Each structure stands twice: as C-alpha cells, then as structure tokens.
Amino acid sequence: MQSKSNLKYLILTAMFIAVGVILPQAFHLFGGTGPVFLPMHIPVLLCGFIVGWKYGMICGIITPLLSSLFTGMPVMFPIGIGMVFELATYGLLCGLLYKSLNKNVYVSLIGAMLGGRVVSGIVNAIVMGVASKPYGLSIFLTNAFVKAIPGIIIQIVLIPLLIIALEKAGQLEKVK
C-alpha cells in the first residue's frame, strides 16, 4: 500500500513540476513577468501543501532547473540558482508547517513565503558577490517584496482558497 501512495505522490509532484514550467510561459504570453506575478511559485507551494515537504522540496528544486533547460527562463546564473533554493524552501516549509506541524494554511503559507525569501536573499548575496554584481538590502527588499506585490497577493488569495476547497471536499489529508 505504501508504494501505491508513493507513486501517487510522485505523479502529483511531476504534475506540479509540469505546471511550474508551463504556467510562467502562459503569463508571458499575456504580458506578465515572472518577477512580478511569481507564477512558478504557485505550483511549488501547492505541492508542499498537498503532497508534503519532501516532494514539495523536490518540486522546488526541479521546477526552475527544467524551466531553465526547456525555456531559458530563469537564466540559471545568477537568477536561477537563487530560485532553486527559494522554491525548495517554499515546498519544504509549506509541507513541514502544514502537514507535519499541523499549522493552519495561512500561517504555513506566510511562513514559507518569508522563509523562502530569506533563503533567496542569502543565496543571491553569495551568487551576486561571486558574479561581482551589486546586491544589498535595498535590492533584496525591492526584488523580494516591492516588485513582487502582485504575485504575493495572488498567492495569499489563491492558495488558501484552493487548499481550503480541497480540505472541504475531503481530498486533502493531514499527516503527522
């Protein structure tokens, strides 16, 4: 029975990865940009909530790598490296906070969003330092919060609605 569950989780994770590669392309078709609307973040966050922290973290690592490979976005150096760590943290923290620690959807989401941004800031400071590009607190705050306000709003509205709907439909179980 355990292998059937693992297969289900692998299939769901693969689906979230595919959506994470395709959704940014759809946003670009309509003039949206990734750093503003954060479309790749949505499936990774959902994966962490629905499938759990291990699969959410894997989804967060693989999604930007495959997107970069197939579409050229994000450019792996320097932006994509930070995104790999940021999205891995999102998937990990959503699953850990929500499924393992039994926190509510809003606490889990906001905790994951803040944790991912902190990790992204640290990784970007290192990567940009290696690339000899300027990166400081004001650039971090602008990129992680100010420029991303539309995407942050989309995540805070959309993700809890989806998770609560899945809970009410009996399609989402919490595990400890």
Protein backbone atom coordinates (compact mmCIF):
# COMPACT_ATOMS: atom_id res chain seq x y z
CA MET A 1 0.00 0.00 0.00
CA GLN A 2 2.92 2.32 0.75
CA SER A 3 4.29 2.04 -2.80
CA LYS A 4 0.86 2.97 -4.21
CA SER A 5 0.93 6.10 -2.05
CA ASN A 6 4.48 6.92 -3.15
CA LEU A 7 3.52 6.51 -6.80
CA LYS A 8 0.56 8.86 -6.30
CA TYR A 9 2.87 11.42 -4.67
CA LEU A 10 5.43 11.11 -7.47
CA ILE A 11 2.74 11.60 -10.11
CA LEU A 12 1.32 14.64 -8.31
CA THR A 13 4.81 16.08 -7.93
CA ALA A 14 5.52 15.57 -11.63
CA MET A 15 2.23 17.32 -12.43
CA PHE A 16 3.16 20.30 -10.23
CA ILE A 17 6.60 20.46 -11.88
CA ALA A 18 4.97 20.47 -15.34
CA VAL A 19 2.57 23.23 -14.29
CA GLY A 20 5.53 25.13 -12.84
CA VAL A 21 7.26 25.05 -16.22
CA ILE A 22 4.13 25.85 -18.28
CA LEU A 23 2.41 28.49 -16.10
CA PRO A 24 5.18 31.12 -16.42
CA GLN A 25 5.00 30.73 -20.21
CA ALA A 26 1.26 31.41 -20.10
CA PHE A 27 1.88 34.56 -18.04
CA HIS A 28 4.49 35.72 -20.56
CA LEU A 29 2.02 35.22 -23.43
CA PHE A 30 -0.26 37.77 -21.81
CA GLY A 31 2.50 40.24 -20.96
CA GLY A 32 3.07 39.19 -17.35
CA THR A 33 6.57 38.82 -16.00
CA GLY A 34 7.86 36.21 -13.59
CA PRO A 35 9.44 38.54 -11.02
CA VAL A 36 6.13 40.43 -10.69
CA PHE A 37 3.48 37.68 -10.76
CA LEU A 38 5.65 34.77 -9.48
CA PRO A 39 3.78 32.07 -11.45
CA MET A 40 6.38 29.36 -10.82
CA HIS A 41 5.91 29.73 -7.06
CA ILE A 42 2.23 28.72 -7.09
CA PRO A 43 2.60 25.04 -8.09
CA VAL A 44 5.60 24.58 -5.79
CA LEU A 45 3.68 25.98 -2.82
CA LEU A 46 0.67 23.82 -3.68
CA CYS A 47 2.89 20.74 -3.97
CA GLY A 48 4.24 21.32 -0.47
CA PHE A 49 0.73 21.70 0.91
CA ILE A 50 -0.80 18.76 -0.94
CA VAL A 51 1.99 16.19 -1.17
CA GLY A 52 4.22 17.14 1.76
CA TRP A 53 7.60 18.65 2.50
CA LYS A 54 9.86 16.08 0.78
CA TYR A 55 8.02 16.24 -2.51
CA GLY A 56 7.48 19.99 -2.21
CA MET A 57 11.22 20.49 -1.78
CA ILE A 58 11.99 18.25 -4.75
CA CYS A 59 9.42 20.14 -6.83
CA GLY A 60 11.06 23.42 -5.81
CA ILE A 61 14.49 22.19 -6.90
CA ILE A 62 13.48 20.58 -10.19
CA THR A 63 10.97 23.14 -11.48
CA PRO A 64 13.34 26.10 -12.07
CA LEU A 65 16.03 23.74 -13.40
CA LEU A 66 13.70 22.22 -16.01
CA SER A 67 12.20 25.60 -16.84
CA SER A 68 15.66 27.00 -17.46
CA LEU A 69 16.59 23.98 -19.57
CA PHE A 70 13.40 23.98 -21.69
CA THR A 71 12.60 27.70 -21.92
CA GLY A 72 15.75 29.57 -20.97
CA MET A 73 13.92 31.17 -18.04
CA PRO A 74 15.06 31.73 -15.44
CA VAL A 75 18.60 32.22 -16.65
CA MET A 76 20.42 29.81 -14.36
CA PHE A 77 23.26 32.15 -13.43
CA PRO A 78 22.78 34.27 -11.47
CA ILE A 79 18.95 34.32 -11.03
CA GLY A 80 18.08 30.63 -11.32
CA ILE A 81 20.40 29.50 -8.54
CA GLY A 82 18.62 31.70 -6.03
CA MET A 83 15.26 30.48 -7.32
CA VAL A 84 16.21 26.83 -6.82
CA PHE A 85 16.95 27.47 -3.15
CA GLU A 86 13.96 29.80 -2.70
CA LEU A 87 11.45 27.40 -4.26
CA ALA A 88 12.92 24.38 -2.47
CA THR A 89 12.42 26.27 0.79
CA TYR A 90 8.82 27.11 -0.17
CA GLY A 91 7.94 23.49 -0.84
CA LEU A 92 9.75 22.27 2.26
CA LEU A 93 8.26 24.82 4.65
CA CYS A 94 4.68 24.55 3.31
CA GLY A 95 4.69 20.81 3.81
CA LEU A 96 6.54 20.91 7.09
CA LEU A 97 4.40 23.63 8.67
CA TYR A 98 1.06 22.47 7.30
CA LYS A 99 1.23 18.69 7.22
CA SER A 100 3.87 17.83 9.82
CA LEU A 101 3.40 20.59 12.39
CA ASN A 102 -0.35 20.96 11.75
CA LYS A 103 -0.33 24.76 11.34
CA ASN A 104 -3.19 26.47 9.53
CA VAL A 105 -2.94 27.28 5.83
CA TYR A 106 -2.25 31.00 6.33
CA VAL A 107 0.50 30.52 8.93
CA SER A 108 2.09 27.83 6.75
CA LEU A 109 1.90 29.92 3.58
CA ILE A 110 3.23 33.14 5.08
CA GLY A 111 5.95 31.24 6.97
CA ALA A 112 7.03 29.53 3.76
CA MET A 113 6.92 32.78 1.76
CA LEU A 114 9.07 34.62 4.30
CA GLY A 115 11.47 31.71 4.78
CA GLY A 116 11.92 31.28 1.02
CA ARG A 117 12.63 34.95 0.55
CA VAL A 118 15.22 34.97 3.34
CA VAL A 119 16.97 31.95 1.81
CA SER A 120 16.79 33.59 -1.62
CA GLY A 121 18.35 36.78 -0.24
CA ILE A 122 21.23 34.89 1.35
CA VAL A 123 21.91 32.79 -1.76
CA ASN A 124 21.60 35.81 -4.06
CA ALA A 125 24.04 37.80 -1.90
CA ILE A 126 26.57 34.97 -2.28
CA VAL A 127 25.95 34.42 -6.00
CA MET A 128 25.97 38.12 -6.84
CA GLY A 129 29.16 38.53 -4.82
CA VAL A 130 30.79 35.77 -6.87
CA ALA A 131 29.50 37.43 -10.06
CA SER A 132 30.82 40.82 -8.83
CA LYS A 133 27.34 42.34 -9.20
CA PRO A 134 25.87 44.76 -6.69
CA TYR A 135 23.40 43.25 -4.24
CA GLY A 136 22.38 44.71 -0.92
CA LEU A 137 19.44 45.10 1.39
CA SER A 138 17.60 47.62 -0.81
CA ILE A 139 17.91 45.41 -3.91
CA PHE A 140 16.76 42.39 -1.89
CA LEU A 141 13.74 44.22 -0.45
CA THR A 142 12.78 45.66 -3.85
CA ASN A 143 13.02 42.32 -5.67
CA ALA A 144 11.58 40.09 -2.93
CA PHE A 145 8.76 42.32 -1.74
CA VAL A 146 8.08 45.56 -3.64
CA LYS A 147 8.30 44.32 -7.23
CA ALA A 148 6.58 41.05 -6.23
CA ILE A 149 3.49 42.60 -4.58
CA PRO A 150 1.07 41.37 -7.31
CA GLY A 151 2.43 37.82 -7.05
CA ILE A 152 2.35 37.89 -3.26
CA ILE A 153 -1.31 38.98 -3.35
CA ILE A 154 -2.15 36.23 -5.86
CA GLN A 155 -0.50 33.63 -3.62
CA ILE A 156 -2.17 34.84 -0.41
CA VAL A 157 -5.61 34.82 -2.06
CA LEU A 158 -5.42 31.81 -4.42
CA ILE A 159 -3.51 29.18 -2.46
CA PRO A 160 -5.60 29.22 0.75
CA LEU A 161 -8.79 29.12 -1.35
CA LEU A 162 -7.56 26.02 -3.18
CA ILE A 163 -6.30 24.27 -0.04
CA ILE A 164 -9.48 25.01 1.93
CA ALA A 165 -11.62 23.81 -1.01
CA LEU A 166 -9.62 20.56 -1.17
CA GLU A 167 -9.99 20.11 2.60
CA LYS A 168 -13.77 20.65 2.45
CA ALA A 169 -14.03 18.21 -0.46
CA GLY A 170 -12.17 15.61 1.59
CA GLN A 171 -9.32 15.46 -0.91
CA LEU A 172 -6.55 16.66 1.40
CA GLU A 173 -5.48 14.72 4.44
CA LYS A 174 -3.06 15.92 7.07
CA VAL A 175 -0.35 13.52 8.15
CA LYS A 176 1.91 13.67 11.15
